[in-house]
Amino acid sequence: MASVPVFGHREPLTRRDLESIADEGHRYELVDGVLLMSPSPRPLHQRVVARVLAAVSVSCPRDCEALPAPVDVVLADDTVLIPDVVVGRRSDYTERALVGVPVLAVEVISPSSRLIDTELKRARLAAAGCPHYWLVDPYVPSVLCLVLRDGAYVTLEKAERDQDIAVAEPFPVTLNPADLVSEY
C-alpha cells in the first residue's frame, strides 16, 4: 500500500507537492496550501455523477468538454480542486489538469463532504471567478444551480424531489433530482 509523503508544516503545499503523492484510490485536493483527502465515493454518489455528466454532455458547447472526477482543476499554485463534474474550455485542459477557471463545476454532496462542498469549494470557486457552481444533494434529493454575480454566488434555479429544473446557462440543461438518484 502506498503512503502519503510527509510534508513539512512550515510552508503551504503546492501543486508540485500534490503531484508527488502516489495514486492509492483517494482524492487529494489542495486549498490554500492545505491538503484535503476524500474517501472513494459511494455508488449513490457515482450514480448521480454519471447522470449529471450525461445531462451536461448533451448540450455542452463544442469549445468545452465535460468530464467526471478525478480531474484536477488548478486555480492557483496552492489551490487544486477536484469537482465531481467539471466543464472547461478545451483550450484550458492540459495533459494533467484543467488549468484555470472552469465554465461549470458540479459537486455531489456526500455526508463527509457537505461543509467542504457547500462552503469551502464554493468560496474558492467564486473567488477564482467560476461563473457556474451546482450542488446536488442526493439525500433530499435536490439540485441548486448557482451563478456568479458581482463576486458572489446567487441562486439561478433550484429543485427538490420530483421537480424538473431547466437552466439556460451556461448552456441548456434539464435535470430532475429524483431521476438522478433512482435505481431504475
N, C-alpha and C. Protein backbone atom coordinates (compact mmCIF):
# COMPACT_ATOMS: atom_id res chain seq x y z
N MET A 1 0.84 -1.18 0.00
CA MET A 1 0.00 0.00 0.00
C MET A 1 0.89 1.24 0.00
N ALA A 2 0.62 2.16 -0.89
CA ALA A 2 1.39 3.40 -0.96
C ALA A 2 1.05 4.28 0.23
N SER A 3 1.98 5.11 0.60
CA SER A 3 1.71 6.01 1.72
C SER A 3 1.82 7.45 1.26
N VAL A 4 1.16 8.32 2.00
CA VAL A 4 1.20 9.74 1.71
C VAL A 4 2.54 10.27 2.20
N PRO A 5 3.24 11.01 1.37
CA PRO A 5 4.52 11.55 1.81
C PRO A 5 4.33 12.51 2.97
N VAL A 6 5.34 12.62 3.79
CA VAL A 6 5.29 13.55 4.90
C VAL A 6 5.83 14.88 4.41
N PHE A 7 5.05 15.93 4.62
CA PHE A 7 5.45 17.26 4.20
C PHE A 7 5.71 18.11 5.44
N GLY A 8 6.66 19.01 5.35
CA GLY A 8 6.90 19.94 6.44
C GLY A 8 5.70 20.86 6.62
N HIS A 9 5.46 21.30 7.81
CA HIS A 9 4.28 22.12 8.08
C HIS A 9 4.57 23.62 8.06
N ARG A 10 5.78 23.99 7.72
CA ARG A 10 6.14 25.41 7.76
C ARG A 10 5.65 26.15 6.52
N GLU A 11 5.67 25.51 5.39
CA GLU A 11 5.30 26.15 4.13
C GLU A 11 4.00 25.54 3.61
N PRO A 12 3.16 26.34 2.99
CA PRO A 12 1.96 25.77 2.36
C PRO A 12 2.37 24.80 1.24
N LEU A 13 1.58 23.78 1.05
CA LEU A 13 1.84 22.83 -0.03
C LEU A 13 1.52 23.49 -1.37
N THR A 14 2.11 22.94 -2.42
CA THR A 14 1.90 23.45 -3.77
C THR A 14 1.41 22.34 -4.67
N ARG A 15 1.07 22.72 -5.88
CA ARG A 15 0.65 21.76 -6.90
C ARG A 15 1.73 20.70 -7.11
N ARG A 16 2.96 21.08 -7.06
CA ARG A 16 4.07 20.12 -7.23
C ARG A 16 4.06 19.07 -6.12
N ASP A 17 3.83 19.49 -4.89
CA ASP A 17 3.72 18.54 -3.78
C ASP A 17 2.56 17.57 -4.01
N LEU A 18 1.44 18.12 -4.45
CA LEU A 18 0.25 17.30 -4.71
C LEU A 18 0.54 16.25 -5.77
N GLU A 19 1.26 16.61 -6.81
CA GLU A 19 1.59 15.68 -7.88
C GLU A 19 2.54 14.58 -7.44
N SER A 20 3.23 14.77 -6.32
CA SER A 20 4.17 13.75 -5.83
C SER A 20 3.50 12.66 -5.01
N ILE A 21 2.22 12.81 -4.71
CA ILE A 21 1.51 11.81 -3.92
C ILE A 21 1.13 10.64 -4.82
N ALA A 22 1.43 9.43 -4.35
CA ALA A 22 1.12 8.22 -5.11
C ALA A 22 -0.40 8.05 -5.20
N ASP A 23 -0.87 7.52 -6.32
CA ASP A 23 -2.29 7.26 -6.51
C ASP A 23 -2.67 6.00 -5.76
N GLU A 24 -3.46 6.15 -4.71
CA GLU A 24 -3.87 4.99 -3.92
C GLU A 24 -5.39 4.92 -3.76
N GLY A 25 -6.11 5.50 -4.67
CA GLY A 25 -7.56 5.40 -4.64
C GLY A 25 -8.25 6.51 -3.87
N HIS A 26 -7.51 7.45 -3.32
CA HIS A 26 -8.11 8.58 -2.63
C HIS A 26 -8.02 9.80 -3.53
N ARG A 27 -8.86 10.77 -3.24
CA ARG A 27 -8.80 12.04 -3.96
C ARG A 27 -8.15 13.06 -3.04
N TYR A 28 -7.09 13.66 -3.53
CA TYR A 28 -6.40 14.69 -2.77
C TYR A 28 -6.61 16.03 -3.46
N GLU A 29 -6.99 17.02 -2.68
CA GLU A 29 -7.17 18.37 -3.18
C GLU A 29 -6.32 19.30 -2.33
N LEU A 30 -6.10 20.48 -2.85
CA LEU A 30 -5.28 21.46 -2.17
C LEU A 30 -6.05 22.77 -2.11
N VAL A 31 -6.22 23.31 -0.91
CA VAL A 31 -6.91 24.58 -0.74
C VAL A 31 -6.03 25.50 0.09
N ASP A 32 -5.56 26.54 -0.52
CA ASP A 32 -4.66 27.50 0.14
C ASP A 32 -3.47 26.79 0.79
N GLY A 33 -2.94 25.79 0.10
CA GLY A 33 -1.77 25.08 0.59
C GLY A 33 -2.04 23.99 1.60
N VAL A 34 -3.31 23.72 1.91
CA VAL A 34 -3.68 22.68 2.87
C VAL A 34 -4.22 21.47 2.11
N LEU A 35 -3.71 20.29 2.46
CA LEU A 35 -4.11 19.06 1.79
C LEU A 35 -5.43 18.53 2.35
N LEU A 36 -6.38 18.23 1.45
CA LEU A 36 -7.65 17.61 1.82
C LEU A 36 -7.70 16.24 1.16
N MET A 37 -8.19 15.23 1.90
CA MET A 37 -8.32 13.89 1.34
C MET A 37 -9.78 13.46 1.45
N SER A 38 -10.29 12.87 0.38
CA SER A 38 -11.65 12.35 0.37
C SER A 38 -11.60 10.85 0.13
N PRO A 39 -12.46 10.09 0.82
CA PRO A 39 -12.51 8.66 0.56
C PRO A 39 -13.15 8.37 -0.80
N SER A 40 -13.05 7.15 -1.25
CA SER A 40 -13.70 6.76 -2.50
C SER A 40 -15.20 6.98 -2.38
N PRO A 41 -15.83 7.47 -3.45
CA PRO A 41 -17.26 7.75 -3.39
C PRO A 41 -18.10 6.48 -3.36
N ARG A 42 -19.31 6.62 -2.82
CA ARG A 42 -20.28 5.52 -2.73
C ARG A 42 -21.03 5.37 -4.05
N PRO A 43 -21.67 4.22 -4.27
CA PRO A 43 -22.42 4.01 -5.52
C PRO A 43 -23.49 5.08 -5.78
N LEU A 44 -24.22 5.51 -4.76
CA LEU A 44 -25.23 6.56 -4.96
C LEU A 44 -24.58 7.82 -5.52
N HIS A 45 -23.48 8.20 -4.95
CA HIS A 45 -22.74 9.38 -5.39
C HIS A 45 -22.34 9.24 -6.86
N GLN A 46 -21.80 8.09 -7.22
CA GLN A 46 -21.35 7.87 -8.60
C GLN A 46 -22.51 7.80 -9.58
N ARG A 47 -23.64 7.26 -9.13
CA ARG A 47 -24.84 7.23 -9.99
C ARG A 47 -25.24 8.66 -10.35
N VAL A 48 -25.27 9.54 -9.35
CA VAL A 48 -25.65 10.93 -9.58
C VAL A 48 -24.62 11.61 -10.48
N VAL A 49 -23.35 11.40 -10.23
CA VAL A 49 -22.30 11.99 -11.07
C VAL A 49 -22.49 11.56 -12.52
N ALA A 50 -22.71 10.28 -12.75
CA ALA A 50 -22.87 9.77 -14.12
C ALA A 50 -24.06 10.41 -14.81
N ARG A 51 -25.16 10.57 -14.09
CA ARG A 51 -26.36 11.14 -14.71
C ARG A 51 -26.23 12.64 -14.95
N VAL A 52 -25.59 13.35 -14.03
CA VAL A 52 -25.35 14.77 -14.26
C VAL A 52 -24.42 14.94 -15.46
N LEU A 53 -23.36 14.14 -15.52
CA LEU A 53 -22.43 14.21 -16.64
C LEU A 53 -23.15 13.96 -17.96
N ALA A 54 -24.02 12.96 -17.99
CA ALA A 54 -24.76 12.66 -19.23
C ALA A 54 -25.64 13.84 -19.63
N ALA A 55 -26.34 14.43 -18.68
CA ALA A 55 -27.23 15.56 -18.98
C ALA A 55 -26.45 16.78 -19.46
N VAL A 56 -25.32 17.04 -18.83
CA VAL A 56 -24.50 18.20 -19.19
C VAL A 56 -23.83 17.99 -20.54
N SER A 57 -23.39 16.78 -20.81
CA SER A 57 -22.67 16.50 -22.06
C SER A 57 -23.51 16.70 -23.30
N VAL A 58 -24.81 16.49 -23.19
CA VAL A 58 -25.70 16.61 -24.35
C VAL A 58 -25.66 18.01 -24.96
N SER A 59 -25.60 19.03 -24.12
CA SER A 59 -25.65 20.41 -24.61
C SER A 59 -24.34 21.17 -24.50
N CYS A 60 -23.31 20.50 -24.04
CA CYS A 60 -22.02 21.16 -23.84
C CYS A 60 -21.52 21.72 -25.18
N PRO A 61 -21.15 22.99 -25.22
CA PRO A 61 -20.66 23.57 -26.48
C PRO A 61 -19.40 22.87 -26.98
N ARG A 62 -19.16 22.93 -28.26
CA ARG A 62 -18.02 22.24 -28.87
C ARG A 62 -16.67 22.74 -28.37
N ASP A 63 -16.60 23.99 -27.92
CA ASP A 63 -15.33 24.51 -27.44
C ASP A 63 -15.06 24.14 -25.98
N CYS A 64 -15.98 23.39 -25.38
CA CYS A 64 -15.85 22.95 -23.99
C CYS A 64 -15.91 21.43 -23.91
N GLU A 65 -15.49 20.92 -22.77
CA GLU A 65 -15.57 19.48 -22.52
C GLU A 65 -16.00 19.25 -21.09
N ALA A 66 -16.95 18.33 -20.90
CA ALA A 66 -17.44 17.94 -19.57
C ALA A 66 -16.79 16.61 -19.19
N LEU A 67 -16.21 16.57 -18.00
CA LEU A 67 -15.53 15.37 -17.52
C LEU A 67 -15.90 15.08 -16.07
N PRO A 68 -15.91 13.79 -15.71
CA PRO A 68 -16.15 13.43 -14.31
C PRO A 68 -14.85 13.43 -13.51
N ALA A 69 -14.97 13.49 -12.20
CA ALA A 69 -13.79 13.36 -11.33
C ALA A 69 -13.17 12.00 -11.54
N PRO A 70 -11.89 11.89 -11.33
CA PRO A 70 -10.99 12.93 -10.84
C PRO A 70 -10.28 13.67 -11.96
N VAL A 71 -10.52 14.97 -12.05
CA VAL A 71 -9.77 15.86 -12.92
C VAL A 71 -9.34 17.04 -12.05
N ASP A 72 -8.05 17.25 -11.95
CA ASP A 72 -7.55 18.39 -11.18
C ASP A 72 -7.95 19.69 -11.87
N VAL A 73 -8.44 20.63 -11.08
CA VAL A 73 -8.72 21.98 -11.55
C VAL A 73 -7.77 22.90 -10.80
N VAL A 74 -6.79 23.41 -11.53
CA VAL A 74 -5.74 24.23 -10.92
C VAL A 74 -6.18 25.69 -10.95
N LEU A 75 -6.56 26.19 -9.77
CA LEU A 75 -6.98 27.58 -9.65
C LEU A 75 -5.80 28.48 -9.30
N ALA A 76 -4.82 27.92 -8.59
CA ALA A 76 -3.60 28.64 -8.20
C ALA A 76 -2.57 27.59 -7.83
N ASP A 77 -1.33 28.00 -7.64
CA ASP A 77 -0.29 27.04 -7.29
C ASP A 77 -0.60 26.32 -5.98
N ASP A 78 -1.35 26.97 -5.09
CA ASP A 78 -1.68 26.36 -3.81
C ASP A 78 -3.13 25.91 -3.69
N THR A 79 -3.88 25.93 -4.80
CA THR A 79 -5.29 25.53 -4.76
C THR A 79 -5.62 24.69 -6.00
N VAL A 80 -5.84 23.40 -5.76
CA VAL A 80 -6.19 22.44 -6.80
C VAL A 80 -7.42 21.68 -6.32
N LEU A 81 -8.54 21.86 -6.99
CA LEU A 81 -9.79 21.22 -6.61
C LEU A 81 -10.12 20.10 -7.58
N ILE A 82 -11.00 19.20 -7.13
CA ILE A 82 -11.49 18.12 -8.00
C ILE A 82 -13.02 18.10 -7.91
N PRO A 83 -13.70 18.88 -8.74
CA PRO A 83 -15.17 18.81 -8.75
C PRO A 83 -15.64 17.45 -9.24
N ASP A 84 -16.84 17.06 -8.84
CA ASP A 84 -17.38 15.77 -9.29
C ASP A 84 -17.64 15.77 -10.79
N VAL A 85 -18.07 16.88 -11.33
CA VAL A 85 -18.21 17.08 -12.77
C VAL A 85 -17.65 18.46 -13.06
N VAL A 86 -16.82 18.56 -14.07
CA VAL A 86 -16.25 19.86 -14.44
C VAL A 86 -16.42 20.07 -15.94
N VAL A 87 -16.81 21.28 -16.29
CA VAL A 87 -16.87 21.69 -17.69
C VAL A 87 -15.85 22.80 -17.85
N GLY A 88 -14.93 22.59 -18.77
CA GLY A 88 -13.90 23.58 -19.03
C GLY A 88 -13.73 23.80 -20.51
N ARG A 89 -13.12 24.91 -20.83
CA ARG A 89 -12.79 25.17 -22.23
C ARG A 89 -11.71 24.20 -22.67
N ARG A 90 -11.85 23.64 -23.83
CA ARG A 90 -10.87 22.66 -24.32
C ARG A 90 -9.46 23.24 -24.29
N SER A 91 -9.33 24.52 -24.56
CA SER A 91 -8.01 25.16 -24.59
C SER A 91 -7.37 25.26 -23.20
N ASP A 92 -8.15 25.09 -22.14
CA ASP A 92 -7.63 25.17 -20.77
C ASP A 92 -7.19 23.81 -20.22
N TYR A 93 -7.53 22.74 -20.92
CA TYR A 93 -7.11 21.41 -20.46
C TYR A 93 -5.68 21.14 -20.92
N THR A 94 -4.88 20.61 -20.01
CA THR A 94 -3.55 20.13 -20.36
C THR A 94 -3.58 18.61 -20.25
N GLU A 95 -2.46 17.98 -20.41
CA GLU A 95 -2.38 16.53 -20.27
C GLU A 95 -2.72 16.09 -18.84
N ARG A 96 -2.46 16.95 -17.85
CA ARG A 96 -2.65 16.60 -16.44
C ARG A 96 -3.88 17.19 -15.78
N ALA A 97 -4.37 18.34 -16.28
CA ALA A 97 -5.37 19.07 -15.50
C ALA A 97 -6.11 20.09 -16.34
N LEU A 98 -7.13 20.67 -15.73
CA LEU A 98 -7.76 21.87 -16.25
C LEU A 98 -7.08 23.02 -15.53
N VAL A 99 -6.36 23.83 -16.26
CA VAL A 99 -5.61 24.93 -15.66
C VAL A 99 -6.38 26.21 -15.90
N GLY A 100 -6.94 26.74 -14.83
CA GLY A 100 -7.74 27.94 -14.92
C GLY A 100 -9.14 27.70 -14.42
N VAL A 101 -9.98 28.66 -14.67
CA VAL A 101 -11.33 28.66 -14.13
C VAL A 101 -12.27 27.82 -15.00
N PRO A 102 -13.00 26.87 -14.39
CA PRO A 102 -13.97 26.11 -15.18
C PRO A 102 -15.16 26.97 -15.59
N VAL A 103 -15.87 26.53 -16.60
CA VAL A 103 -17.12 27.15 -17.01
C VAL A 103 -18.21 26.75 -16.03
N LEU A 104 -18.15 25.50 -15.55
CA LEU A 104 -19.13 24.95 -14.62
C LEU A 104 -18.44 23.92 -13.75
N ALA A 105 -18.69 23.98 -12.45
CA ALA A 105 -18.24 22.95 -11.52
C ALA A 105 -19.47 22.42 -10.80
N VAL A 106 -19.56 21.10 -10.69
CA VAL A 106 -20.70 20.46 -10.03
C VAL A 106 -20.16 19.59 -8.91
N GLU A 107 -20.76 19.73 -7.74
CA GLU A 107 -20.43 18.87 -6.61
C GLU A 107 -21.65 18.09 -6.20
N VAL A 108 -21.47 16.79 -5.99
CA VAL A 108 -22.50 15.92 -5.43
C VAL A 108 -22.14 15.76 -3.96
N ILE A 109 -23.01 16.22 -3.11
CA ILE A 109 -22.73 16.26 -1.68
C ILE A 109 -22.76 14.86 -1.09
N SER A 110 -21.74 14.56 -0.32
CA SER A 110 -21.66 13.33 0.48
C SER A 110 -21.68 13.74 1.94
N PRO A 111 -22.05 12.81 2.84
CA PRO A 111 -22.04 13.17 4.26
C PRO A 111 -20.68 13.71 4.72
N SER A 112 -19.61 13.15 4.19
CA SER A 112 -18.27 13.58 4.62
C SER A 112 -17.80 14.85 3.94
N SER A 113 -18.48 15.30 2.87
CA SER A 113 -18.00 16.46 2.12
C SER A 113 -18.93 17.66 2.18
N ARG A 114 -20.02 17.56 2.93
CA ARG A 114 -21.05 18.61 2.91
C ARG A 114 -20.46 20.01 3.16
N LEU A 115 -19.72 20.20 4.22
CA LEU A 115 -19.17 21.51 4.54
C LEU A 115 -18.13 21.96 3.52
N ILE A 116 -17.31 21.04 3.06
CA ILE A 116 -16.29 21.39 2.06
C ILE A 116 -16.95 21.84 0.76
N ASP A 117 -17.97 21.10 0.31
CA ASP A 117 -18.64 21.43 -0.95
C ASP A 117 -19.48 22.71 -0.86
N THR A 118 -20.23 22.85 0.24
CA THR A 118 -21.16 23.98 0.33
C THR A 118 -20.51 25.28 0.78
N GLU A 119 -19.36 25.19 1.42
CA GLU A 119 -18.71 26.41 1.91
C GLU A 119 -17.34 26.63 1.28
N LEU A 120 -16.41 25.71 1.54
CA LEU A 120 -15.01 25.92 1.15
C LEU A 120 -14.83 25.97 -0.36
N LYS A 121 -15.27 24.93 -1.07
CA LYS A 121 -15.10 24.92 -2.53
C LYS A 121 -15.92 26.04 -3.18
N ARG A 122 -17.10 26.25 -2.66
CA ARG A 122 -17.95 27.32 -3.18
C ARG A 122 -17.22 28.66 -3.09
N ALA A 123 -16.60 28.94 -1.96
CA ALA A 123 -15.89 30.20 -1.77
C ALA A 123 -14.67 30.31 -2.69
N ARG A 124 -13.91 29.21 -2.82
CA ARG A 124 -12.71 29.26 -3.66
C ARG A 124 -13.07 29.42 -5.13
N LEU A 125 -14.12 28.73 -5.57
CA LEU A 125 -14.53 28.86 -6.97
C LEU A 125 -15.08 30.25 -7.26
N ALA A 126 -15.82 30.82 -6.33
CA ALA A 126 -16.33 32.18 -6.50
C ALA A 126 -15.16 33.17 -6.58
N ALA A 127 -14.20 33.02 -5.69
CA ALA A 127 -13.04 33.92 -5.68
C ALA A 127 -12.24 33.81 -6.98
N ALA A 128 -12.21 32.61 -7.56
CA ALA A 128 -11.48 32.40 -8.81
C ALA A 128 -12.25 32.91 -10.02
N GLY A 129 -13.57 33.14 -9.85
CA GLY A 129 -14.38 33.64 -10.95
C GLY A 129 -15.12 32.57 -11.74
N CYS A 130 -15.31 31.38 -11.15
CA CYS A 130 -16.07 30.32 -11.84
C CYS A 130 -17.52 30.78 -11.97
N PRO A 131 -18.03 30.94 -13.19
CA PRO A 131 -19.34 31.54 -13.37
C PRO A 131 -20.53 30.68 -12.92
N HIS A 132 -20.35 29.36 -12.87
CA HIS A 132 -21.48 28.48 -12.52
C HIS A 132 -21.02 27.38 -11.58
N TYR A 133 -21.76 27.21 -10.49
CA TYR A 133 -21.47 26.18 -9.49
C TYR A 133 -22.79 25.53 -9.10
N TRP A 134 -22.84 24.21 -9.27
CA TRP A 134 -24.06 23.49 -8.93
C TRP A 134 -23.78 22.53 -7.80
N LEU A 135 -24.76 22.42 -6.90
CA LEU A 135 -24.70 21.48 -5.78
C LEU A 135 -25.87 20.52 -5.90
N VAL A 136 -25.56 19.24 -5.89
CA VAL A 136 -26.58 18.20 -5.94
C VAL A 136 -26.53 17.45 -4.62
N ASP A 137 -27.65 17.41 -3.92
CA ASP A 137 -27.74 16.67 -2.65
C ASP A 137 -28.60 15.44 -2.89
N PRO A 138 -27.98 14.26 -3.00
CA PRO A 138 -28.75 13.06 -3.28
C PRO A 138 -29.61 12.59 -2.11
N TYR A 139 -29.41 13.16 -0.94
CA TYR A 139 -30.15 12.71 0.24
C TYR A 139 -31.46 13.43 0.42
N VAL A 140 -31.71 14.52 -0.33
CA VAL A 140 -33.00 15.21 -0.26
C VAL A 140 -33.99 14.57 -1.24
N PRO A 141 -33.75 14.37 -2.49
CA PRO A 141 -32.70 14.89 -3.38
C PRO A 141 -33.02 16.31 -3.84
N SER A 142 -31.95 17.06 -4.19
CA SER A 142 -32.14 18.43 -4.66
C SER A 142 -30.99 18.84 -5.58
N VAL A 143 -31.27 19.87 -6.37
CA VAL A 143 -30.27 20.47 -7.24
C VAL A 143 -30.35 21.98 -7.02
N LEU A 144 -29.19 22.59 -6.76
CA LEU A 144 -29.10 24.03 -6.58
C LEU A 144 -28.10 24.55 -7.62
N CYS A 145 -28.58 25.37 -8.54
CA CYS A 145 -27.73 25.94 -9.58
C CYS A 145 -27.43 27.39 -9.22
N LEU A 146 -26.15 27.66 -9.01
CA LEU A 146 -25.70 29.00 -8.62
C LEU A 146 -24.99 29.66 -9.78
N VAL A 147 -25.10 30.98 -9.84
CA VAL A 147 -24.42 31.77 -10.86
C VAL A 147 -23.68 32.89 -10.14
N LEU A 148 -22.51 33.23 -10.65
CA LEU A 148 -21.69 34.27 -10.04
C LEU A 148 -22.17 35.63 -10.50
N ARG A 149 -22.53 36.47 -9.54
CA ARG A 149 -22.96 37.84 -9.81
C ARG A 149 -22.23 38.76 -8.83
N ASP A 150 -21.49 39.71 -9.36
CA ASP A 150 -20.76 40.67 -8.53
C ASP A 150 -19.89 39.98 -7.48
N GLY A 151 -19.23 38.88 -7.87
CA GLY A 151 -18.28 38.20 -7.00
C GLY A 151 -18.87 37.24 -6.00
N ALA A 152 -20.19 37.04 -6.04
CA ALA A 152 -20.82 36.10 -5.09
C ALA A 152 -21.83 35.23 -5.84
N TYR A 153 -22.01 34.01 -5.35
CA TYR A 153 -22.98 33.12 -5.97
C TYR A 153 -24.39 33.47 -5.49
N VAL A 154 -25.30 33.49 -6.47
CA VAL A 154 -26.73 33.66 -6.19
C VAL A 154 -27.46 32.51 -6.86
N THR A 155 -28.64 32.21 -6.38
CA THR A 155 -29.42 31.10 -6.91
C THR A 155 -29.99 31.45 -8.27
N LEU A 156 -29.65 30.61 -9.24
CA LEU A 156 -30.21 30.72 -10.59
C LEU A 156 -31.50 29.90 -10.65
N GLU A 157 -31.42 28.65 -10.19
CA GLU A 157 -32.57 27.74 -10.15
C GLU A 157 -32.34 26.73 -9.04
N LYS A 158 -33.42 26.18 -8.50
CA LYS A 158 -33.31 25.09 -7.54
C LYS A 158 -34.55 24.22 -7.65
N ALA A 159 -34.35 22.94 -7.34
CA ALA A 159 -35.46 21.99 -7.40
C ALA A 159 -35.23 20.90 -6.36
N GLU A 160 -36.33 20.35 -5.88
CA GLU A 160 -36.26 19.23 -4.94
C GLU A 160 -37.15 18.11 -5.43
N ARG A 161 -36.78 16.93 -5.01
CA ARG A 161 -37.52 15.70 -5.27
C ARG A 161 -37.87 15.53 -6.74
N ASP A 162 -39.14 15.52 -7.10
CA ASP A 162 -39.55 15.21 -8.47
C ASP A 162 -39.83 16.46 -9.32
N GLN A 163 -39.25 17.59 -8.95
CA GLN A 163 -39.41 18.81 -9.74
C GLN A 163 -38.35 18.83 -10.84
N ASP A 164 -38.76 19.19 -12.04
CA ASP A 164 -37.79 19.41 -13.10
C ASP A 164 -37.13 20.77 -12.90
N ILE A 165 -35.88 20.82 -13.27
CA ILE A 165 -35.15 22.08 -13.24
C ILE A 165 -34.55 22.26 -14.63
N ALA A 166 -34.74 23.45 -15.19
CA ALA A 166 -34.20 23.75 -16.51
C ALA A 166 -33.42 25.05 -16.43
N VAL A 167 -32.18 25.00 -16.84
CA VAL A 167 -31.34 26.20 -16.87
C VAL A 167 -30.93 26.48 -18.31
N ALA A 168 -30.72 27.74 -18.60
CA ALA A 168 -30.28 28.14 -19.94
C ALA A 168 -28.79 28.45 -19.96
N GLU A 169 -28.21 28.65 -18.78
CA GLU A 169 -26.79 28.99 -18.73
C GLU A 169 -26.05 28.08 -17.78
N PRO A 170 -24.83 27.72 -18.07
CA PRO A 170 -24.00 28.21 -19.16
C PRO A 170 -24.42 27.68 -20.53
N PHE A 171 -25.30 26.67 -20.52
CA PHE A 171 -25.92 26.12 -21.73
C PHE A 171 -27.14 25.35 -21.26
N PRO A 172 -28.08 25.05 -22.14
CA PRO A 172 -29.33 24.43 -21.70
C PRO A 172 -29.13 23.03 -21.09
N VAL A 173 -29.67 22.84 -19.89
CA VAL A 173 -29.63 21.55 -19.20
C VAL A 173 -30.93 21.41 -18.42
N THR A 174 -31.51 20.21 -18.48
CA THR A 174 -32.69 19.89 -17.69
C THR A 174 -32.35 18.71 -16.79
N LEU A 175 -32.69 18.84 -15.51
CA LEU A 175 -32.44 17.78 -14.53
C LEU A 175 -33.68 17.59 -13.66
N ASN A 176 -33.81 16.38 -13.13
CA ASN A 176 -34.84 16.08 -12.15
C ASN A 176 -34.14 15.39 -11.00
N PRO A 177 -34.13 15.99 -9.81
CA PRO A 177 -33.39 15.40 -8.68
C PRO A 177 -33.75 13.95 -8.39
N ALA A 178 -35.02 13.61 -8.45
CA ALA A 178 -35.44 12.23 -8.17
C ALA A 178 -34.89 11.26 -9.21
N ASP A 179 -34.85 11.68 -10.46
CA ASP A 179 -34.30 10.83 -11.51
C ASP A 179 -32.79 10.61 -11.34
N LEU A 180 -32.11 11.60 -10.78
CA LEU A 180 -30.66 11.47 -10.58
C LEU A 180 -30.30 10.38 -9.58
N VAL A 181 -31.19 10.11 -8.63
CA VAL A 181 -30.87 9.14 -7.57
C VAL A 181 -31.57 7.80 -7.72
N SER A 182 -32.57 7.72 -8.58
CA SER A 182 -33.36 6.49 -8.67
C SER A 182 -32.53 5.32 -9.17
N GLU A 183 -32.91 4.12 -8.74
CA GLU A 183 -32.18 2.91 -9.10
C GLU A 183 -32.76 2.22 -10.34
N TYR A 184 -33.54 2.92 -11.14
CA TYR A 184 -34.15 2.29 -12.31
C TYR A 184 -33.15 1.76 -13.27
